[in-house]
Amino acid sequence: MKKFALFVFNGDPMFFIHVLLNALDMKDKGHEAKIIIEGASVKLVPDLVKPEFPLNGLWKKCLDAGLVEGVCKACSAKLGTLDAAKEQGLTLLDSMSGHPGIAAYRDEGYEVITF
């Protein structure tokens, strides 16, 4: 089994869909995958829970599968989505000056992929 940390920075939904699909595919293939929502992608957090949002179904699958590691606390605060992340019960990641640090995942044996 391989371990992957998927850091998504891009806030474009058509970009974000590939993170969700890849995380589910990796899990289905017996690997461990963690989605870390960073940068501009935190702006999607309020919309992901809306049933009419195109990524809602995949988002729910990833949540149910335990693939969402969390959301950058600093970026969520800066971009106005911190309350939405808290309302959803998402883990706020802040190990590196308010942001999730990549080095910690590397130290735990994760291959880091950025989107």
C-alpha atoms as a PDB file:
ATOM      1  CA  MET A   1       0.000   0.000   0.000  1.00  0.00           C
ATOM      2  CA  LYS A   2       1.213   3.480  -0.879  1.00  0.00           C
ATOM      3  CA  LYS A   3       0.335   6.689   0.946  1.00  0.00           C
ATOM      4  CA  PHE A   4      -0.592   9.892  -0.873  1.00  0.00           C
ATOM      5  CA  ALA A   5      -1.192  13.411   0.428  1.00  0.00           C
ATOM      6  CA  LEU A   6      -3.148  15.365  -2.168  1.00  0.00           C
ATOM      7  CA  PHE A   7      -2.657  19.088  -1.623  1.00  0.00           C
ATOM      8  CA  VAL A   8      -5.188  21.055  -3.649  1.00  0.00           C
ATOM      9  CA  PHE A   9      -4.472  24.763  -4.057  1.00  0.00           C
ATOM     10  CA  ASN A  10      -6.507  25.567  -7.179  1.00  0.00           C
ATOM     11  CA  GLY A  11     -10.050  26.805  -6.518  1.00  0.00           C
ATOM     12  CA  ASP A  12     -11.477  25.936  -9.928  1.00  0.00           C
ATOM     13  CA  PRO A  13     -14.193  23.260  -9.522  1.00  0.00           C
ATOM     14  CA  MET A  14     -13.076  21.506 -12.717  1.00  0.00           C
ATOM     15  CA  PHE A  15      -9.626  21.228 -11.198  1.00  0.00           C
ATOM     16  CA  PHE A  16     -10.917  20.148  -7.784  1.00  0.00           C
ATOM     17  CA  ILE A  17     -12.960  17.305  -9.292  1.00  0.00           C
ATOM     18  CA  HIS A  18      -9.718  15.557 -10.253  1.00  0.00           C
ATOM     19  CA  VAL A  19      -8.532  15.598  -6.656  1.00  0.00           C
ATOM     20  CA  LEU A  20     -11.770  13.971  -5.502  1.00  0.00           C
ATOM     21  CA  LEU A  21     -11.728  11.381  -8.279  1.00  0.00           C
ATOM     22  CA  ASN A  22      -8.080  10.495  -7.735  1.00  0.00           C
ATOM     23  CA  ALA A  23      -8.490  10.146  -3.977  1.00  0.00           C
ATOM     24  CA  LEU A  24     -11.422   7.761  -4.452  1.00  0.00           C
ATOM     25  CA  ASP A  25      -9.526   5.806  -7.113  1.00  0.00           C
ATOM     26  CA  MET A  26      -6.445   5.487  -4.895  1.00  0.00           C
ATOM     27  CA  LYS A  27      -8.573   4.214  -2.015  1.00  0.00           C
ATOM     28  CA  ASP A  28     -10.332   1.729  -4.317  1.00  0.00           C
ATOM     29  CA  LYS A  29      -6.914   0.434  -5.366  1.00  0.00           C
ATOM     30  CA  GLY A  30      -5.919  -0.175  -1.741  1.00  0.00           C
ATOM     31  CA  HIS A  31      -3.836   2.938  -1.150  1.00  0.00           C
ATOM     32  CA  GLU A  32      -4.156   5.549   1.554  1.00  0.00           C
ATOM     33  CA  ALA A  33      -5.076   9.023   0.331  1.00  0.00           C
ATOM     34  CA  LYS A  34      -5.582  12.281   2.200  1.00  0.00           C
ATOM     35  CA  ILE A  35      -7.032  15.433   0.690  1.00  0.00           C
ATOM     36  CA  ILE A  36      -5.593  18.665   2.077  1.00  0.00           C
ATOM     37  CA  ILE A  37      -7.539  21.765   1.013  1.00  0.00           C
ATOM     38  CA  GLU A  38      -5.215  24.776   0.734  1.00  0.00           C
ATOM     39  CA  GLY A  39      -4.932  28.161  -0.932  1.00  0.00           C
ATOM     40  CA  ALA A  40      -7.736  29.299  -3.226  1.00  0.00           C
ATOM     41  CA  SER A  41      -9.445  25.897  -3.058  1.00  0.00           C
ATOM     42  CA  VAL A  42     -10.795  26.756   0.410  1.00  0.00           C
ATOM     43  CA  LYS A  43     -13.267  29.058  -1.367  1.00  0.00           C
ATOM     44  CA  LEU A  44     -15.107  25.919  -2.545  1.00  0.00           C
ATOM     45  CA  VAL A  45     -15.862  24.708   0.993  1.00  0.00           C
ATOM     46  CA  PRO A  46     -19.239  26.502   1.391  1.00  0.00           C
ATOM     47  CA  ASP A  47     -20.468  25.249  -1.997  1.00  0.00           C
ATOM     48  CA  LEU A  48     -19.372  21.623  -1.670  1.00  0.00           C
ATOM     49  CA  VAL A  49     -22.224  20.852   0.747  1.00  0.00           C
ATOM     50  CA  LYS A  50     -24.935  22.352  -1.461  1.00  0.00           C
ATOM     51  CA  PRO A  51     -26.945  19.549  -3.120  1.00  0.00           C
ATOM     52  CA  GLU A  52     -27.144  21.499  -6.389  1.00  0.00           C
ATOM     53  CA  PHE A  53     -23.370  21.984  -6.586  1.00  0.00           C
ATOM     54  CA  PRO A  54     -21.911  19.655  -9.247  1.00  0.00           C
ATOM     55  CA  LEU A  55     -19.177  18.287  -6.931  1.00  0.00           C
ATOM     56  CA  ASN A  56     -21.506  17.605  -3.993  1.00  0.00           C
ATOM     57  CA  GLY A  57     -21.883  13.861  -4.656  1.00  0.00           C
ATOM     58  CA  LEU A  58     -18.146  13.248  -4.988  1.00  0.00           C
ATOM     59  CA  TRP A  59     -17.481  15.424  -1.943  1.00  0.00           C
ATOM     60  CA  LYS A  60     -19.875  13.315   0.138  1.00  0.00           C
ATOM     61  CA  LYS A  61     -18.196  10.117  -1.071  1.00  0.00           C
ATOM     62  CA  CYS A  62     -14.777  11.458  -0.074  1.00  0.00           C
ATOM     63  CA  LEU A  63     -16.051  12.567   3.328  1.00  0.00           C
ATOM     64  CA  ASP A  64     -17.750   9.221   3.946  1.00  0.00           C
ATOM     65  CA  ALA A  65     -14.555   7.396   2.922  1.00  0.00           C
ATOM     66  CA  GLY A  66     -12.491   9.454   5.376  1.00  0.00           C
ATOM     67  CA  LEU A  67     -10.352  10.946   2.615  1.00  0.00           C
ATOM     68  CA  VAL A  68     -10.614  14.606   3.628  1.00  0.00           C
ATOM     69  CA  GLU A  69      -7.751  15.398   5.972  1.00  0.00           C
ATOM     70  CA  GLY A  70      -8.801  18.987   6.480  1.00  0.00           C
ATOM     71  CA  VAL A  71      -8.677  22.613   5.453  1.00  0.00           C
ATOM     72  CA  CYS A  72      -5.967  25.231   5.796  1.00  0.00           C
ATOM     73  CA  LYS A  73      -6.873  27.386   8.773  1.00  0.00           C
ATOM     74  CA  ALA A  74      -5.006  30.493   7.602  1.00  0.00           C
ATOM     75  CA  CYS A  75      -6.340  30.436   4.058  1.00  0.00           C
ATOM     76  CA  SER A  76      -9.883  29.783   5.285  1.00  0.00           C
ATOM     77  CA  ALA A  77      -9.638  32.742   7.633  1.00  0.00           C
ATOM     78  CA  LYS A  78      -8.156  35.014   4.961  1.00  0.00           C
ATOM     79  CA  LEU A  79     -10.646  34.005   2.255  1.00  0.00           C
ATOM     80  CA  GLY A  80     -13.736  34.059   4.478  1.00  0.00           C
ATOM     81  CA  THR A  81     -14.601  30.356   4.616  1.00  0.00           C
ATOM     82  CA  LEU A  82     -13.434  29.501   8.142  1.00  0.00           C
ATOM     83  CA  ASP A  83     -16.986  29.434   9.536  1.00  0.00           C
ATOM     84  CA  ALA A  84     -18.146  27.148   6.704  1.00  0.00           C
ATOM     85  CA  ALA A  85     -15.274  24.748   7.420  1.00  0.00           C
ATOM     86  CA  LYS A  86     -16.157  24.719  11.128  1.00  0.00           C
ATOM     87  CA  GLU A  87     -19.874  24.205  10.371  1.00  0.00           C
ATOM     88  CA  GLN A  88     -18.978  21.151   8.300  1.00  0.00           C
ATOM     89  CA  GLY A  89     -16.798  19.798  11.096  1.00  0.00           C
ATOM     90  CA  LEU A  90     -13.686  19.839   8.916  1.00  0.00           C
ATOM     91  CA  THR A  91     -10.335  19.668  10.642  1.00  0.00           C
ATOM     92  CA  LEU A  92      -8.476  22.965  10.544  1.00  0.00           C
ATOM     93  CA  LEU A  93      -4.865  22.352   9.586  1.00  0.00           C
ATOM     94  CA  ASP A  94      -2.320  24.830  10.920  1.00  0.00           C
ATOM     95  CA  SER A  95       0.941  23.050  11.726  1.00  0.00           C
ATOM     96  CA  MET A  96       3.107  25.470   9.708  1.00  0.00           C
ATOM     97  CA  SER A  97       2.429  29.097  10.657  1.00  0.00           C
ATOM     98  CA  GLY A  98      -1.304  28.562  10.217  1.00  0.00           C
ATOM     99  CA  HIS A  99      -1.001  26.367   7.098  1.00  0.00           C
ATOM    100  CA  PRO A 100      -0.638  22.578   6.711  1.00  0.00           C
ATOM    101  CA  GLY A 101       3.025  21.740   6.274  1.00  0.00           C
ATOM    102  CA  ILE A 102       4.068  19.397   3.486  1.00  0.00           C
ATOM    103  CA  ALA A 103       7.208  18.236   5.331  1.00  0.00           C
ATOM    104  CA  ALA A 104       5.178  16.519   8.042  1.00  0.00           C
ATOM    105  CA  TYR A 105       3.421  14.353   5.463  1.00  0.00           C
ATOM    106  CA  ARG A 106       6.737  13.503   3.797  1.00  0.00           C
ATOM    107  CA  ASP A 107       8.150  12.548   7.208  1.00  0.00           C
ATOM    108  CA  GLU A 108       5.197  10.147   7.649  1.00  0.00           C
ATOM    109  CA  GLY A 109       5.964   8.456   4.326  1.00  0.00           C
ATOM    110  CA  TYR A 110       3.369  10.165   2.136  1.00  0.00           C
ATOM    111  CA  GLU A 111       4.041  10.948  -1.474  1.00  0.00           C
ATOM    112  CA  VAL A 112       2.883  14.548  -1.865  1.00  0.00           C
ATOM    113  CA  ILE A 113       0.972  15.521  -4.980  1.00  0.00           C
ATOM    114  CA  THR A 114      -0.067  19.111  -5.560  1.00  0.00           C
ATOM    115  CA  PHE A 115      -2.999  20.233  -7.649  1.00  0.00           C
END
